Amino acid sequence: MRVAVLGAAHARDGEFAGAEEIIVLDPSPAELERLLAEDHDPRYTYLLGELPVLPLPDAWVDSVVGAEVEADDPELRRVRR
């Protein structure tokens, strides 16, 4: 299972314990660098990005967590499988 996490603050929420790949997206390079320095879990990938346009391919993730938007957001629908 591949999970996209919107916002560095949600990266350790534990909602994706069974995920094989976790993609953390945040608009702040400093926040992403902080997370990278704190954790060396190989399942994590860190990308600059945020809504309304995510830097992910179509149908790339199984779920998206951390978003403070409606579940039927077109961008979230685009990136979910």
N, C-alpha and C. Protein backbone atom coordinates (compact mmCIF):
# COMPACT_ATOMS: atom_id res chain seq x y z
N MET A 1 0.84 -1.18 0.00
CA MET A 1 0.00 0.00 0.00
C MET A 1 0.89 1.25 0.00
N ARG A 2 0.53 2.22 -0.82
CA ARG A 2 1.26 3.48 -0.94
C ARG A 2 0.36 4.60 -0.40
N VAL A 3 0.88 5.41 0.52
CA VAL A 3 0.12 6.47 1.18
C VAL A 3 0.79 7.81 0.93
N ALA A 4 -0.01 8.82 0.59
CA ALA A 4 0.48 10.20 0.49
C ALA A 4 0.04 10.93 1.76
N VAL A 5 0.97 11.64 2.37
CA VAL A 5 0.70 12.38 3.60
C VAL A 5 0.85 13.86 3.27
N LEU A 6 -0.24 14.61 3.39
CA LEU A 6 -0.21 16.04 3.10
C LEU A 6 0.11 16.81 4.37
N GLY A 7 1.33 17.32 4.43
CA GLY A 7 1.77 18.10 5.58
C GLY A 7 2.72 17.32 6.46
N ALA A 8 3.88 17.89 6.72
CA ALA A 8 4.89 17.25 7.56
C ALA A 8 4.36 16.96 8.96
N ALA A 9 3.45 17.77 9.45
CA ALA A 9 2.89 17.58 10.79
C ALA A 9 2.16 16.26 10.92
N HIS A 10 1.70 15.69 9.83
CA HIS A 10 0.94 14.44 9.86
C HIS A 10 1.82 13.22 9.58
N ALA A 11 3.09 13.42 9.39
CA ALA A 11 3.98 12.33 8.95
C ALA A 11 4.14 11.22 9.96
N ARG A 12 3.89 11.46 11.21
CA ARG A 12 4.07 10.44 12.24
C ARG A 12 2.76 10.12 12.96
N ASP A 13 1.65 10.34 12.31
CA ASP A 13 0.34 10.10 12.95
C ASP A 13 0.06 8.63 13.21
N GLY A 14 0.70 7.74 12.49
CA GLY A 14 0.48 6.32 12.68
C GLY A 14 -0.72 5.76 11.95
N GLU A 15 -1.38 6.55 11.12
CA GLU A 15 -2.55 6.09 10.37
C GLU A 15 -2.17 5.15 9.24
N PHE A 16 -0.91 4.94 9.00
CA PHE A 16 -0.45 4.18 7.85
C PHE A 16 0.62 3.18 8.25
N ALA A 17 0.42 2.53 9.40
CA ALA A 17 1.41 1.59 9.92
C ALA A 17 1.68 0.44 8.95
N GLY A 18 0.69 0.01 8.17
CA GLY A 18 0.88 -1.10 7.26
C GLY A 18 1.36 -0.70 5.87
N ALA A 19 1.64 0.57 5.67
CA ALA A 19 2.04 1.05 4.34
C ALA A 19 3.44 0.59 3.98
N GLU A 20 3.60 0.23 2.70
CA GLU A 20 4.91 -0.15 2.19
C GLU A 20 5.71 1.07 1.73
N GLU A 21 4.99 2.13 1.34
CA GLU A 21 5.63 3.37 0.90
C GLU A 21 4.80 4.54 1.41
N ILE A 22 5.49 5.55 1.97
CA ILE A 22 4.84 6.73 2.53
C ILE A 22 5.49 7.95 1.90
N ILE A 23 4.68 8.74 1.20
CA ILE A 23 5.18 9.93 0.52
C ILE A 23 4.68 11.14 1.28
N VAL A 24 5.60 11.89 1.88
CA VAL A 24 5.24 13.07 2.66
C VAL A 24 5.42 14.28 1.76
N LEU A 25 4.35 15.07 1.64
CA LEU A 25 4.38 16.28 0.82
C LEU A 25 4.20 17.50 1.73
N ASP A 26 5.06 18.49 1.56
CA ASP A 26 4.97 19.70 2.35
C ASP A 26 5.58 20.84 1.53
N PRO A 27 5.06 22.06 1.68
CA PRO A 27 5.61 23.18 0.92
C PRO A 27 6.91 23.75 1.50
N SER A 28 7.32 23.27 2.68
CA SER A 28 8.49 23.82 3.35
C SER A 28 9.70 22.89 3.25
N PRO A 29 10.76 23.33 2.56
CA PRO A 29 11.98 22.52 2.53
C PRO A 29 12.54 22.27 3.93
N ALA A 30 12.44 23.26 4.81
CA ALA A 30 12.97 23.12 6.17
C ALA A 30 12.24 22.01 6.93
N GLU A 31 10.94 21.93 6.79
CA GLU A 31 10.18 20.87 7.46
C GLU A 31 10.55 19.50 6.92
N LEU A 32 10.70 19.39 5.63
CA LEU A 32 11.08 18.11 5.04
C LEU A 32 12.48 17.71 5.46
N GLU A 33 13.40 18.65 5.52
CA GLU A 33 14.77 18.36 5.97
C GLU A 33 14.78 17.92 7.43
N ARG A 34 13.93 18.55 8.25
CA ARG A 34 13.83 18.17 9.67
C ARG A 34 13.37 16.72 9.79
N LEU A 35 12.33 16.36 9.04
CA LEU A 35 11.84 14.99 9.08
C LEU A 35 12.90 14.00 8.61
N LEU A 36 13.58 14.34 7.55
CA LEU A 36 14.62 13.46 7.01
C LEU A 36 15.73 13.24 8.03
N ALA A 37 16.08 14.28 8.77
CA ALA A 37 17.13 14.16 9.78
C ALA A 37 16.69 13.33 10.98
N GLU A 38 15.39 13.36 11.28
CA GLU A 38 14.86 12.65 12.44
C GLU A 38 14.63 11.18 12.19
N ASP A 39 14.29 10.80 10.97
CA ASP A 39 13.87 9.44 10.72
C ASP A 39 14.58 8.88 9.49
N HIS A 40 15.00 7.65 9.60
CA HIS A 40 15.70 7.01 8.48
C HIS A 40 14.94 5.79 8.00
N ASP A 41 13.62 5.83 8.15
CA ASP A 41 12.77 4.73 7.70
C ASP A 41 12.78 4.71 6.17
N PRO A 42 13.20 3.62 5.55
CA PRO A 42 13.31 3.58 4.09
C PRO A 42 11.96 3.64 3.37
N ARG A 43 10.86 3.49 4.08
CA ARG A 43 9.54 3.57 3.44
C ARG A 43 9.16 5.01 3.09
N TYR A 44 9.83 5.98 3.70
CA TYR A 44 9.46 7.39 3.52
C TYR A 44 10.19 8.04 2.35
N THR A 45 9.42 8.83 1.59
CA THR A 45 9.94 9.70 0.55
C THR A 45 9.41 11.09 0.86
N TYR A 46 10.22 12.12 0.66
CA TYR A 46 9.84 13.49 0.98
C TYR A 46 9.83 14.33 -0.29
N LEU A 47 8.70 15.00 -0.55
CA LEU A 47 8.56 15.83 -1.74
C LEU A 47 8.01 17.21 -1.38
N LEU A 48 8.51 18.22 -2.09
CA LEU A 48 7.90 19.54 -1.98
C LEU A 48 6.57 19.51 -2.71
N GLY A 49 5.52 19.98 -2.06
CA GLY A 49 4.23 20.00 -2.72
C GLY A 49 3.10 20.22 -1.74
N GLU A 50 1.97 20.64 -2.27
CA GLU A 50 0.76 20.84 -1.48
C GLU A 50 -0.41 20.99 -2.45
N LEU A 51 -1.62 20.94 -1.91
CA LEU A 51 -2.79 21.21 -2.73
C LEU A 51 -2.78 22.68 -3.12
N PRO A 52 -3.27 23.04 -4.26
CA PRO A 52 -4.24 22.33 -5.07
C PRO A 52 -3.65 21.42 -6.14
N VAL A 53 -2.31 21.40 -6.32
CA VAL A 53 -1.71 20.53 -7.33
C VAL A 53 -0.60 19.71 -6.66
N LEU A 54 -0.77 18.39 -6.66
CA LEU A 54 0.22 17.51 -6.05
C LEU A 54 1.18 16.98 -7.11
N PRO A 55 2.47 16.88 -6.78
CA PRO A 55 3.46 16.39 -7.74
C PRO A 55 3.51 14.86 -7.78
N LEU A 56 2.35 14.26 -8.05
CA LEU A 56 2.23 12.81 -8.10
C LEU A 56 1.53 12.40 -9.39
N PRO A 57 1.87 11.22 -9.91
CA PRO A 57 1.19 10.73 -11.11
C PRO A 57 -0.27 10.36 -10.80
N ASP A 58 -1.06 10.25 -11.84
CA ASP A 58 -2.44 9.80 -11.71
C ASP A 58 -2.48 8.40 -11.11
N ALA A 59 -3.47 8.17 -10.24
CA ALA A 59 -3.71 6.85 -9.64
C ALA A 59 -2.45 6.25 -9.03
N TRP A 60 -1.70 7.03 -8.29
CA TRP A 60 -0.41 6.61 -7.77
C TRP A 60 -0.48 6.10 -6.33
N VAL A 61 -1.44 6.59 -5.51
CA VAL A 61 -1.49 6.20 -4.10
C VAL A 61 -2.80 5.50 -3.77
N ASP A 62 -2.74 4.71 -2.72
CA ASP A 62 -3.94 4.02 -2.26
C ASP A 62 -4.78 4.91 -1.34
N SER A 63 -4.12 5.79 -0.60
CA SER A 63 -4.86 6.70 0.26
C SER A 63 -4.08 7.98 0.47
N VAL A 64 -4.82 9.01 0.90
CA VAL A 64 -4.23 10.31 1.20
C VAL A 64 -4.68 10.68 2.61
N VAL A 65 -3.73 11.03 3.46
CA VAL A 65 -4.06 11.45 4.82
C VAL A 65 -3.52 12.85 5.07
N GLY A 66 -4.13 13.50 6.06
CA GLY A 66 -3.67 14.82 6.45
C GLY A 66 -4.33 15.97 5.73
N ALA A 67 -5.10 15.69 4.71
CA ALA A 67 -5.72 16.77 3.95
C ALA A 67 -6.89 17.36 4.72
N GLU A 68 -6.97 18.66 4.70
CA GLU A 68 -8.09 19.36 5.32
C GLU A 68 -9.06 19.81 4.24
N VAL A 69 -9.32 18.92 3.31
CA VAL A 69 -10.22 19.24 2.21
C VAL A 69 -11.27 18.15 2.09
N GLU A 70 -12.25 18.39 1.27
CA GLU A 70 -13.31 17.42 1.06
C GLU A 70 -12.76 16.18 0.36
N ALA A 71 -13.32 15.04 0.70
CA ALA A 71 -12.87 13.76 0.13
C ALA A 71 -13.04 13.71 -1.39
N ASP A 72 -13.97 14.49 -1.92
CA ASP A 72 -14.19 14.46 -3.37
C ASP A 72 -13.39 15.53 -4.11
N ASP A 73 -12.35 16.06 -3.47
CA ASP A 73 -11.48 17.04 -4.11
C ASP A 73 -10.93 16.43 -5.40
N PRO A 74 -11.01 17.14 -6.53
CA PRO A 74 -10.57 16.57 -7.81
C PRO A 74 -9.10 16.13 -7.82
N GLU A 75 -8.24 16.86 -7.16
CA GLU A 75 -6.82 16.49 -7.15
C GLU A 75 -6.60 15.22 -6.33
N LEU A 76 -7.31 15.08 -5.23
CA LEU A 76 -7.19 13.86 -4.43
C LEU A 76 -7.74 12.66 -5.19
N ARG A 77 -8.83 12.85 -5.90
CA ARG A 77 -9.37 11.78 -6.72
C ARG A 77 -8.39 11.39 -7.82
N ARG A 78 -7.69 12.37 -8.39
CA ARG A 78 -6.75 12.11 -9.47
C ARG A 78 -5.59 11.22 -9.02
N VAL A 79 -5.04 11.48 -7.83
CA VAL A 79 -3.85 10.75 -7.40
C VAL A 79 -4.17 9.41 -6.74
N ARG A 80 -5.42 9.22 -6.31
CA ARG A 80 -5.80 7.94 -5.68
C ARG A 80 -6.10 6.88 -6.71
N ARG A 81 -5.78 5.63 -6.37
CA ARG A 81 -6.10 4.48 -7.22
C ARG A 81 -7.57 4.15 -7.11
